[in-house]
């Protein structure tokens, strides 16, 4: 789960939104899920919680499993797997397995 971070651009590789791209908005590491901007949209019925607040149907993103997405490399623009390099002074760095570009 550490391989995908908030702000990364990802592409959905399985499910109803296959092929769509978006930015990671939120990570839920305990459930191994992520929320992606404009993907996995669901409608929820909300009731007013206080006086004067409107009720109705609200559409928003729902979390999806992290295994259903792949990172898009900023250099080559393709979906890729992520490798990890360990450097003494910088710690661990992520890199693109296709072109070798460092992502962090």
PDB file of N, CA and C in Angstrom:
ATOM      1  N   UNK A   1       0.816  -1.199   0.000  1.00  0.00           N
ATOM      2  CA  UNK A   1       0.000   0.000   0.000  1.00  0.00           C
ATOM      3  C   UNK A   1       0.855   1.257   0.000  1.00  0.00           C
ATOM      4  N   UNK A   2       2.081   1.190   0.417  1.00  0.00           N
ATOM      5  CA  UNK A   2       2.929   2.377   0.448  1.00  0.00           C
ATOM      6  C   UNK A   2       3.353   2.815  -0.944  1.00  0.00           C
ATOM      7  N   UNK A   3       3.109   2.021  -1.939  1.00  0.00           N
ATOM      8  CA  UNK A   3       3.566   2.340  -3.285  1.00  0.00           C
ATOM      9  C   UNK A   3       2.722   3.425  -3.955  1.00  0.00           C
ATOM     10  N   UNK A   4       1.466   3.575  -3.560  1.00  0.00           N
ATOM     11  CA  UNK A   4       0.608   4.619  -4.111  1.00  0.00           C
ATOM     12  C   UNK A   4       0.386   5.655  -3.020  1.00  0.00           C
ATOM     13  N   UNK A   5       0.576   6.937  -3.373  1.00  0.00           N
ATOM     14  CA  UNK A   5       0.467   8.011  -2.392  1.00  0.00           C
ATOM     15  C   UNK A   5      -0.589   9.024  -2.824  1.00  0.00           C
ATOM     16  N   UNK A   6      -1.018   9.855  -1.890  1.00  0.00           N
ATOM     17  CA  UNK A   6      -1.989  10.904  -2.174  1.00  0.00           C
ATOM     18  C   UNK A   6      -1.382  11.882  -3.176  1.00  0.00           C
ATOM     19  N   UNK A   7      -2.152  12.203  -4.224  1.00  0.00           N
ATOM     20  CA  UNK A   7      -1.673  13.110  -5.268  1.00  0.00           C
ATOM     21  C   UNK A   7      -1.161  12.409  -6.506  1.00  0.00           C
ATOM     22  N   UNK A   8      -0.929  11.095  -6.438  1.00  0.00           N
ATOM     23  CA  UNK A   8      -0.480  10.340  -7.612  1.00  0.00           C
ATOM     24  C   UNK A   8      -1.600  10.229  -8.638  1.00  0.00           C
ATOM     25  N   UNK A   9      -1.226  10.205  -9.923  1.00  0.00           N
ATOM     26  CA  UNK A   9      -2.209   9.948 -10.974  1.00  0.00           C
ATOM     27  C   UNK A   9      -2.235   8.455 -11.240  1.00  0.00           C
ATOM     28  N   UNK A  10      -3.439   7.878 -11.216  1.00  0.00           N
ATOM     29  CA  UNK A  10      -3.598   6.440 -11.393  1.00  0.00           C
ATOM     30  C   UNK A  10      -4.641   6.149 -12.461  1.00  0.00           C
ATOM     31  N   UNK A  11      -4.622   4.919 -12.965  1.00  0.00           N
ATOM     32  CA  UNK A  11      -5.621   4.442 -13.921  1.00  0.00           C
ATOM     33  C   UNK A  11      -6.260   3.189 -13.325  1.00  0.00           C
ATOM     34  N   UNK A  12      -7.577   3.055 -13.518  1.00  0.00           N
ATOM     35  CA  UNK A  12      -8.311   1.902 -13.002  1.00  0.00           C
ATOM     36  C   UNK A  12      -8.118   0.745 -13.977  1.00  0.00           C
ATOM     37  N   UNK A  13      -7.729  -0.435 -13.462  1.00  0.00           N
ATOM     38  CA  UNK A  13      -7.439  -1.575 -14.331  1.00  0.00           C
ATOM     39  C   UNK A  13      -8.514  -2.652 -14.281  1.00  0.00           C
ATOM     40  N   UNK A  14      -9.482  -2.551 -13.348  1.00  0.00           N
ATOM     41  CA  UNK A  14     -10.588  -3.510 -13.332  1.00  0.00           C
ATOM     42  C   UNK A  14     -11.792  -2.880 -12.651  1.00  0.00           C
ATOM     43  N   UNK A  15     -12.972  -3.372 -13.001  1.00  0.00           N
ATOM     44  CA  UNK A  15     -14.202  -2.866 -12.410  1.00  0.00           C
ATOM     45  C   UNK A  15     -15.001  -2.035 -13.394  1.00  0.00           C
ATOM     46  N   UNK A  16     -16.026  -1.355 -12.894  1.00  0.00           N
ATOM     47  CA  UNK A  16     -16.945  -0.605 -13.755  1.00  0.00           C
ATOM     48  C   UNK A  16     -16.307   0.629 -14.381  1.00  0.00           C
ATOM     49  N   UNK A  17     -15.261   1.158 -13.790  1.00  0.00           N
ATOM     50  CA  UNK A  17     -14.591   2.358 -14.297  1.00  0.00           C
ATOM     51  C   UNK A  17     -13.264   2.046 -14.980  1.00  0.00           C
ATOM     52  N   UNK A  18     -13.125   0.883 -15.574  1.00  0.00           N
ATOM     53  CA  UNK A  18     -11.878   0.459 -16.213  1.00  0.00           C
ATOM     54  C   UNK A  18     -11.423   1.476 -17.257  1.00  0.00           C
ATOM     55  N   UNK A  19     -10.156   1.873 -17.188  1.00  0.00           N
ATOM     56  CA  UNK A  19      -9.577   2.789 -18.158  1.00  0.00           C
ATOM     57  C   UNK A  19      -9.639   4.245 -17.764  1.00  0.00           C
ATOM     58  N   UNK A  20     -10.392   4.595 -16.729  1.00  0.00           N
ATOM     59  CA  UNK A  20     -10.495   5.990 -16.311  1.00  0.00           C
ATOM     60  C   UNK A  20      -9.285   6.383 -15.473  1.00  0.00           C
ATOM     61  N   UNK A  21      -8.887   7.666 -15.598  1.00  0.00           N
ATOM     62  CA  UNK A  21      -7.741   8.196 -14.867  1.00  0.00           C
ATOM     63  C   UNK A  21      -8.203   9.218 -13.842  1.00  0.00           C
ATOM     64  N   UNK A  22      -7.442   9.336 -12.775  1.00  0.00           N
ATOM     65  CA  UNK A  22      -7.758  10.333 -11.758  1.00  0.00           C
ATOM     66  C   UNK A  22      -6.639  10.447 -10.742  1.00  0.00           C
ATOM     67  N   UNK A  23      -6.751  11.458  -9.873  1.00  0.00           N
ATOM     68  CA  UNK A  23      -5.762  11.670  -8.812  1.00  0.00           C
ATOM     69  C   UNK A  23      -6.258  11.060  -7.517  1.00  0.00           C
ATOM     70  N   UNK A  24      -5.336  10.534  -6.742  1.00  0.00           N
ATOM     71  CA  UNK A  24      -5.664   9.928  -5.456  1.00  0.00           C
ATOM     72  C   UNK A  24      -5.966  11.055  -4.465  1.00  0.00           C
ATOM     73  N   UNK A  25      -7.169  11.006  -3.869  1.00  0.00           N
ATOM     74  CA  UNK A  25      -7.585  12.022  -2.909  1.00  0.00           C
ATOM     75  C   UNK A  25      -7.278  11.622  -1.479  1.00  0.00           C
ATOM     76  N   UNK A  26      -7.457  10.330  -1.174  1.00  0.00           N
ATOM     77  CA  UNK A  26      -7.349   9.873   0.206  1.00  0.00           C
ATOM     78  C   UNK A  26      -6.924   8.416   0.221  1.00  0.00           C
ATOM     79  N   UNK A  27      -6.118   8.057   1.232  1.00  0.00           N
ATOM     80  CA  UNK A  27      -5.682   6.679   1.439  1.00  0.00           C
ATOM     81  C   UNK A  27      -6.305   6.146   2.714  1.00  0.00           C
ATOM     82  N   UNK A  28      -6.780   4.906   2.672  1.00  0.00           N
ATOM     83  CA  UNK A  28      -7.287   4.226   3.856  1.00  0.00           C
ATOM     84  C   UNK A  28      -6.464   2.958   4.034  1.00  0.00           C
ATOM     85  N   UNK A  29      -5.283   3.053   4.671  1.00  0.00           N
ATOM     86  CA  UNK A  29      -4.347   1.929   4.708  1.00  0.00           C
ATOM     87  C   UNK A  29      -4.840   0.708   5.475  1.00  0.00           C
ATOM     88  N   UNK A  30      -5.665   0.899   6.495  1.00  0.00           N
ATOM     89  CA  UNK A  30      -6.137  -0.260   7.263  1.00  0.00           C
ATOM     90  C   UNK A  30      -7.059  -1.146   6.439  1.00  0.00           C
ATOM     91  N   UNK A  31      -7.855  -0.542   5.558  1.00  0.00           N
ATOM     92  CA  UNK A  31      -8.748  -1.316   4.690  1.00  0.00           C
ATOM     93  C   UNK A  31      -8.129  -1.611   3.335  1.00  0.00           C
ATOM     94  N   UNK A  32      -6.919  -1.089   3.061  1.00  0.00           N
ATOM     95  CA  UNK A  32      -6.222  -1.248   1.782  1.00  0.00           C
ATOM     96  C   UNK A  32      -7.045  -0.658   0.638  1.00  0.00           C
ATOM     97  N   UNK A  33      -7.617   0.519   0.869  1.00  0.00           N
ATOM     98  CA  UNK A  33      -8.460   1.182  -0.116  1.00  0.00           C
ATOM     99  C   UNK A  33      -7.985   2.606  -0.349  1.00  0.00           C
ATOM    100  N   UNK A  34      -8.367   3.160  -1.514  1.00  0.00           N
ATOM    101  CA  UNK A  34      -8.039   4.530  -1.855  1.00  0.00           C
ATOM    102  C   UNK A  34      -9.266   5.193  -2.472  1.00  0.00           C
ATOM    103  N   UNK A  35      -9.326   6.536  -2.369  1.00  0.00           N
ATOM    104  CA  UNK A  35     -10.380   7.310  -3.010  1.00  0.00           C
ATOM    105  C   UNK A  35      -9.752   8.095  -4.152  1.00  0.00           C
ATOM    106  N   UNK A  36     -10.384   8.025  -5.328  1.00  0.00           N
ATOM    107  CA  UNK A  36      -9.852   8.654  -6.525  1.00  0.00           C
ATOM    108  C   UNK A  36     -10.857   9.682  -7.034  1.00  0.00           C
ATOM    109  N   UNK A  37     -10.339  10.833  -7.451  1.00  0.00           N
ATOM    110  CA  UNK A  37     -11.165  11.939  -7.905  1.00  0.00           C
ATOM    111  C   UNK A  37     -12.001  11.548  -9.133  1.00  0.00           C
ATOM    112  N   UNK A  38     -13.331  11.618  -9.013  1.00  0.00           N
ATOM    113  CA  UNK A  38     -14.245  11.371 -10.128  1.00  0.00           C
ATOM    114  C   UNK A  38     -14.437   9.916 -10.501  1.00  0.00           C
ATOM    115  N   UNK A  39     -13.963   8.981  -9.688  1.00  0.00           N
ATOM    116  CA  UNK A  39     -14.075   7.555 -10.002  1.00  0.00           C
ATOM    117  C   UNK A  39     -14.796   6.840  -8.871  1.00  0.00           C
ATOM    118  N   UNK A  40     -15.575   5.812  -9.221  1.00  0.00           N
ATOM    119  CA  UNK A  40     -16.373   5.027  -8.282  1.00  0.00           C
ATOM    120  C   UNK A  40     -17.403   5.922  -7.592  1.00  0.00           C
ATOM    121  N   UNK A  41     -18.142   6.675  -8.405  1.00  0.00           N
ATOM    122  CA  UNK A  41     -19.145   7.604  -7.889  1.00  0.00           C
ATOM    123  C   UNK A  41     -20.375   6.833  -7.415  1.00  0.00           C
ATOM    124  N   UNK A  42     -20.871   7.210  -6.240  1.00  0.00           N
ATOM    125  CA  UNK A  42     -22.076   6.600  -5.673  1.00  0.00           C
ATOM    126  C   UNK A  42     -23.017   7.713  -5.225  1.00  0.00           C
ATOM    127  N   UNK A  43     -24.299   7.370  -5.151  1.00  0.00           N
ATOM    128  CA  UNK A  43     -25.306   8.314  -4.680  1.00  0.00           C
ATOM    129  C   UNK A  43     -25.746   7.897  -3.291  1.00  0.00           C
ATOM    130  N   UNK A  44     -25.823   8.877  -2.400  1.00  0.00           N
ATOM    131  CA  UNK A  44     -26.238   8.608  -1.023  1.00  0.00           C
ATOM    132  C   UNK A  44     -27.399   9.516  -0.667  1.00  0.00           C
ATOM    133  N   UNK A  45     -28.343   8.966   0.058  1.00  0.00           N
ATOM    134  CA  UNK A  45     -29.478   9.744   0.544  1.00  0.00           C
ATOM    135  C   UNK A  45     -29.103  10.329   1.897  1.00  0.00           C
ATOM    136  N   UNK A  46     -29.227  11.639   2.030  1.00  0.00           N
ATOM    137  CA  UNK A  46     -28.882  12.292   3.291  1.00  0.00           C
ATOM    138  C   UNK A  46     -30.120  12.984   3.852  1.00  0.00           C
ATOM    139  N   UNK A  47     -30.228  12.970   5.153  1.00  0.00           N
ATOM    140  CA  UNK A  47     -31.307  13.681   5.813  1.00  0.00           C
ATOM    141  C   UNK A  47     -30.715  14.902   6.502  1.00  0.00           C
ATOM    142  N   UNK A  48     -31.519  15.910   6.710  1.00  0.00           N
ATOM    143  CA  UNK A  48     -30.979  17.109   7.359  1.00  0.00           C
ATOM    144  C   UNK A  48     -30.587  16.816   8.802  1.00  0.00           C
ATOM    145  N   UNK A  49     -29.390  17.261   9.185  1.00  0.00           N
ATOM    146  CA  UNK A  49     -28.925  17.006  10.545  1.00  0.00           C
ATOM    147  C   UNK A  49     -29.275  18.144  11.492  1.00  0.00           C
ATOM    148  N   UNK A  50     -29.524  19.337  10.963  1.00  0.00           N
ATOM    149  CA  UNK A  50     -29.934  20.458  11.804  1.00  0.00           C
ATOM    150  C   UNK A  50     -30.945  21.309  11.038  1.00  0.00           C
ATOM    151  N   UNK A  51     -31.567  22.217  11.730  1.00  0.00           N
ATOM    152  CA  UNK A  51     -32.619  23.041  11.152  1.00  0.00           C
ATOM    153  C   UNK A  51     -32.074  23.907  10.010  1.00  0.00           C
ATOM    154  N   UNK A  52     -32.765  23.917   8.903  1.00  0.00           N
ATOM    155  CA  UNK A  52     -32.368  24.734   7.767  1.00  0.00           C
ATOM    156  C   UNK A  52     -31.465  24.028   6.766  1.00  0.00           C
ATOM    157  N   UNK A  53     -30.942  22.867   7.102  1.00  0.00           N
ATOM    158  CA  UNK A  53     -30.064  22.144   6.186  1.00  0.00           C
ATOM    159  C   UNK A  53     -30.920  21.312   5.233  1.00  0.00           C
ATOM    160  N   UNK A  54     -30.546  21.300   3.968  1.00  0.00           N
ATOM    161  CA  UNK A  54     -31.321  20.587   2.953  1.00  0.00           C
ATOM    162  C   UNK A  54     -31.011  19.099   2.972  1.00  0.00           C
ATOM    163  N   UNK A  55     -32.012  18.329   2.634  1.00  0.00           N
ATOM    164  CA  UNK A  55     -31.815  16.886   2.475  1.00  0.00           C
ATOM    165  C   UNK A  55     -31.858  16.570   0.990  1.00  0.00           C
ATOM    166  N   UNK A  56     -31.545  15.350   0.637  1.00  0.00           N
ATOM    167  CA  UNK A  56     -31.604  14.970  -0.769  1.00  0.00           C
ATOM    168  C   UNK A  56     -30.613  13.881  -1.098  1.00  0.00           C
ATOM    169  N   UNK A  57     -30.331  13.766  -2.385  1.00  0.00           N
ATOM    170  CA  UNK A  57     -29.411  12.745  -2.880  1.00  0.00           C
ATOM    171  C   UNK A  57     -28.097  13.430  -3.231  1.00  0.00           C
ATOM    172  N   UNK A  58     -27.019  12.965  -2.617  1.00  0.00           N
ATOM    173  CA  UNK A  58     -25.686  13.540  -2.821  1.00  0.00           C
ATOM    174  C   UNK A  58     -24.821  12.511  -3.532  1.00  0.00           C
ATOM    175  N   UNK A  59     -24.108  12.972  -4.561  1.00  0.00           N
ATOM    176  CA  UNK A  59     -23.215  12.076  -5.303  1.00  0.00           C
ATOM    177  C   UNK A  59     -21.776  12.373  -4.911  1.00  0.00           C
ATOM    178  N   UNK A  60     -20.989  11.312  -4.661  1.00  0.00           N
ATOM    179  CA  UNK A  60     -19.600  11.487  -4.274  1.00  0.00           C
ATOM    180  C   UNK A  60     -18.781  10.239  -4.537  1.00  0.00           C
ATOM    181  N   UNK A  61     -17.468  10.355  -4.303  1.00  0.00           N
ATOM    182  CA  UNK A  61     -16.572   9.232  -4.519  1.00  0.00           C
ATOM    183  C   UNK A  61     -16.659   8.255  -3.353  1.00  0.00           C
ATOM    184  N   UNK A  62     -16.507   6.976  -3.677  1.00  0.00           N
ATOM    185  CA  UNK A  62     -16.438   5.932  -2.663  1.00  0.00           C
ATOM    186  C   UNK A  62     -15.065   5.286  -2.763  1.00  0.00           C
ATOM    187  N   UNK A  63     -14.550   4.749  -1.650  1.00  0.00           N
ATOM    188  CA  UNK A  63     -13.235   4.101  -1.703  1.00  0.00           C
ATOM    189  C   UNK A  63     -13.268   2.829  -2.559  1.00  0.00           C
ATOM    190  N   UNK A  64     -12.156   2.546  -3.223  1.00  0.00           N
ATOM    191  CA  UNK A  64     -12.026   1.294  -3.976  1.00  0.00           C
ATOM    192  C   UNK A  64     -10.724   0.614  -3.572  1.00  0.00           C
ATOM    193  N   UNK A  65     -10.635  -0.670  -3.820  1.00  0.00           N
ATOM    194  CA  UNK A  65      -9.470  -1.430  -3.401  1.00  0.00           C
ATOM    195  C   UNK A  65      -8.240  -0.981  -4.179  1.00  0.00           C
ATOM    196  N   UNK A  66      -7.119  -0.908  -3.494  1.00  0.00           N
ATOM    197  CA  UNK A  66      -5.878  -0.405  -4.096  1.00  0.00           C
ATOM    198  C   UNK A  66      -5.334  -1.313  -5.188  1.00  0.00           C
ATOM    199  N   UNK A  67      -5.698  -2.588  -5.177  1.00  0.00           N
ATOM    200  CA  UNK A  67      -5.199  -3.509  -6.199  1.00  0.00           C
ATOM    201  C   UNK A  67      -5.867  -3.288  -7.557  1.00  0.00           C
ATOM    202  N   UNK A  68      -6.916  -2.490  -7.619  1.00  0.00           N
ATOM    203  CA  UNK A  68      -7.633  -2.235  -8.866  1.00  0.00           C
ATOM    204  C   UNK A  68      -7.078  -1.061  -9.652  1.00  0.00           C
ATOM    205  N   UNK A  69      -5.999  -0.446  -9.166  1.00  0.00           N
ATOM    206  CA  UNK A  69      -5.424   0.704  -9.858  1.00  0.00           C
ATOM    207  C   UNK A  69      -3.938   0.489 -10.125  1.00  0.00           C
ATOM    208  N   UNK A  70      -3.435   1.209 -11.131  1.00  0.00           N
ATOM    209  CA  UNK A  70      -2.010   1.192 -11.457  1.00  0.00           C
ATOM    210  C   UNK A  70      -1.545   2.635 -11.601  1.00  0.00           C
ATOM    211  N   UNK A  71      -0.337   2.907 -11.182  1.00  0.00           N
ATOM    212  CA  UNK A  71       0.235   4.249 -11.248  1.00  0.00           C
ATOM    213  C   UNK A  71       0.565   4.615 -12.682  1.00  0.00           C
ATOM    214  N   UNK A  72       0.407   5.893 -13.031  1.00  0.00           N
ATOM    215  CA  UNK A  72       0.797   6.393 -14.345  1.00  0.00           C
ATOM    216  C   UNK A  72       2.108   7.156 -14.168  1.00  0.00           C
ATOM    217  N   UNK A  73       3.118   6.755 -14.927  1.00  0.00           N
ATOM    218  CA  UNK A  73       4.437   7.391 -14.858  1.00  0.00           C
ATOM    219  C   UNK A  73       4.354   8.791 -15.466  1.00  0.00           C
ATOM    220  N   UNK A  74       4.953   9.765 -14.793  1.00  0.00           N
ATOM    221  CA  UNK A  74       4.906  11.148 -15.284  1.00  0.00           C
ATOM    222  C   UNK A  74       5.798  11.354 -16.507  1.00  0.00           C
ATOM    223  N   UNK A  75       6.835  10.539 -16.657  1.00  0.00           N
ATOM    224  CA  UNK A  75       7.764  10.697 -17.777  1.00  0.00           C
ATOM    225  C   UNK A  75       7.262   9.995 -19.035  1.00  0.00           C
ATOM    226  N   UNK A  76       6.934   8.688 -18.929  1.00  0.00           N
ATOM    227  CA  UNK A  76       6.536   7.943 -20.123  1.00  0.00           C
ATOM    228  C   UNK A  76       5.027   7.971 -20.363  1.00  0.00           C
ATOM    229  N   UNK A  77       4.225   8.341 -19.361  1.00  0.00           N
ATOM    230  CA  UNK A  77       2.780   8.473 -19.531  1.00  0.00           C
ATOM    231  C   UNK A  77       2.029   7.167 -19.605  1.00  0.00           C
ATOM    232  N   UNK A  78       2.686   6.054 -19.303  1.00  0.00           N
ATOM    233  CA  UNK A  78       2.049   4.746 -19.363  1.00  0.00           C
ATOM    234  C   UNK A  78       1.767   4.242 -17.957  1.00  0.00           C
ATOM    235  N   UNK A  79       0.824   3.307 -17.868  1.00  0.00           N
ATOM    236  CA  UNK A  79       0.602   2.694 -16.559  1.00  0.00           C
ATOM    237  C   UNK A  79       1.770   1.759 -16.289  1.00  0.00           C
ATOM    238  N   UNK A  80       2.183   1.706 -15.042  1.00  0.00           N
ATOM    239  CA  UNK A  80       3.387   0.967 -14.720  1.00  0.00           C
ATOM    240  C   UNK A  80       3.312   0.368 -13.335  1.00  0.00           C
ATOM    241  N   UNK A  81       4.172  -0.606 -13.128  1.00  0.00           N
ATOM    242  CA  UNK A  81       4.374  -1.111 -11.777  1.00  0.00           C
ATOM    243  C   UNK A  81       5.432  -0.241 -11.120  1.00  0.00           C
ATOM    244  N   UNK A  82       5.497  -0.312  -9.812  1.00  0.00           N
ATOM    245  CA  UNK A  82       6.400   0.555  -9.069  1.00  0.00           C
ATOM    246  C   UNK A  82       7.461  -0.288  -8.384  1.00  0.00           C
ATOM    247  N   UNK A  83       8.723   0.113  -8.541  1.00  0.00           N
ATOM    248  CA  UNK A  83       9.816  -0.535  -7.839  1.00  0.00           C
ATOM    249  C   UNK A  83      10.291   0.362  -6.710  1.00  0.00           C
ATOM    250  N   UNK A  84      11.000  -0.231  -5.780  1.00  0.00           N
ATOM    251  CA  UNK A  84      11.524   0.527  -4.640  1.00  0.00           C
ATOM    252  C   UNK A  84      13.045   0.424  -4.637  1.00  0.00           C
ATOM    253  N   UNK A  85      13.719   1.580  -4.504  1.00  0.00           N
ATOM    254  CA  UNK A  85      15.167   1.630  -4.357  1.00  0.00           C
ATOM    255  C   UNK A  85      15.472   2.144  -2.961  1.00  0.00           C
ATOM    256  N   UNK A  86      16.447   1.535  -2.314  1.00  0.00           N
ATOM    257  CA  UNK A  86      16.854   1.986  -0.995  1.00  0.00           C
ATOM    258  C   UNK A  86      18.193   2.697  -1.108  1.00  0.00           C
ATOM    259  N   UNK A  87      18.198   3.963  -0.747  1.00  0.00           N
ATOM    260  CA  UNK A  87      19.419   4.758  -0.745  1.00  0.00           C
ATOM    261  C   UNK A  87      19.721   5.168   0.685  1.00  0.00           C
ATOM    262  N   UNK A  88      20.990   5.241   1.018  1.00  0.00           N
ATOM    263  CA  UNK A  88      21.383   5.516   2.409  1.00  0.00           C
ATOM    264  C   UNK A  88      20.909   6.881   2.899  1.00  0.00           C
ATOM    265  N   UNK A  89      21.164   7.938   2.106  1.00  0.00           N
ATOM    266  CA  UNK A  89      20.851   9.274   2.586  1.00  0.00           C
ATOM    267  C   UNK A  89      19.390   9.676   2.375  1.00  0.00           C
ATOM    268  N   UNK A  90      18.710   9.091   1.412  1.00  0.00           N
ATOM    269  CA  UNK A  90      17.343   9.507   1.089  1.00  0.00           C
ATOM    270  C   UNK A  90      16.287   8.502   1.520  1.00  0.00           C
ATOM    271  N   UNK A  91      16.668   7.329   1.959  1.00  0.00           N
ATOM    272  CA  UNK A  91      15.692   6.300   2.326  1.00  0.00           C
ATOM    273  C   UNK A  91      15.195   5.566   1.090  1.00  0.00           C
ATOM    274  N   UNK A  92      13.909   5.212   1.074  1.00  0.00           N
ATOM    275  CA  UNK A  92      13.357   4.471  -0.059  1.00  0.00           C
ATOM    276  C   UNK A  92      12.769   5.422  -1.095  1.00  0.00           C
ATOM    277  N   UNK A  93      13.032   5.145  -2.353  1.00  0.00           N
ATOM    278  CA  UNK A  93      12.491   5.901  -3.463  1.00  0.00           C
ATOM    279  C   UNK A  93      11.683   4.982  -4.362  1.00  0.00           C
ATOM    280  N   UNK A  94      10.608   5.529  -4.935  1.00  0.00           N
ATOM    281  CA  UNK A  94       9.821   4.760  -5.902  1.00  0.00           C
ATOM    282  C   UNK A  94      10.347   5.054  -7.305  1.00  0.00           C
ATOM    283  N   UNK A  95      10.323   4.041  -8.187  1.00  0.00           N
ATOM    284  CA  UNK A  95      10.732   4.270  -9.569  1.00  0.00           C
ATOM    285  C   UNK A  95       9.848   3.469 -10.513  1.00  0.00           C
ATOM    286  N   UNK A  96       9.758   3.966 -11.759  1.00  0.00           N
ATOM    287  CA  UNK A  96       8.962   3.335 -12.813  1.00  0.00           C
ATOM    288  C   UNK A  96       9.693   2.104 -13.320  1.00  0.00           C
ATOM    289  N   UNK A  97       9.019   0.967 -13.396  1.00  0.00           N
ATOM    290  CA  UNK A  97       9.641  -0.258 -13.875  1.00  0.00           C
ATOM    291  C   UNK A  97       9.833  -0.261 -15.388  1.00  0.00           C
ATOM    292  N   UNK A  98       9.128   0.612 -16.122  1.00  0.00           N
ATOM    293  CA  UNK A  98       9.245   0.637 -17.580  1.00  0.00           C
ATOM    294  C   UNK A  98      10.388   1.522 -18.053  1.00  0.00           C
ATOM    295  N   UNK A  99      10.487   2.744 -17.498  1.00  0.00           N
ATOM    296  CA  UNK A  99      11.517   3.661 -17.988  1.00  0.00           C
ATOM    297  C   UNK A  99      12.617   3.936 -16.968  1.00  0.00           C
ATOM    298  N   UNK A 100      12.438   3.519 -15.727  1.00  0.00           N
ATOM    299  CA  UNK A 100      13.456   3.708 -14.711  1.00  0.00           C
ATOM    300  C   UNK A 100      13.466   5.070 -14.047  1.00  0.00           C
ATOM    301  N   UNK A 101      12.516   5.932 -14.381  1.00  0.00           N
ATOM    302  CA  UNK A 101      12.435   7.282 -13.817  1.00  0.00           C
ATOM    303  C   UNK A 101      12.049   7.229 -12.335  1.00  0.00           C
ATOM    304  N   UNK A 102      12.716   8.034 -11.497  1.00  0.00           N
ATOM    305  CA  UNK A 102      12.380   8.114 -10.079  1.00  0.00           C
ATOM    306  C   UNK A 102      11.098   8.929  -9.929  1.00  0.00           C
ATOM    307  N   UNK A 103      10.136   8.410  -9.189  1.00  0.00           N
ATOM    308  CA  UNK A 103       8.827   9.065  -9.060  1.00  0.00           C
ATOM    309  C   UNK A 103       8.842  10.086  -7.934  1.00  0.00           C
ATOM    310  N   UNK A 104       9.486   9.788  -6.820  1.00  0.00           N
ATOM    311  CA  UNK A 104       9.507  10.710  -5.678  1.00  0.00           C
ATOM    312  C   UNK A 104      10.424  11.871  -5.917  1.00  0.00           C
TER     313      UNK A 104
END
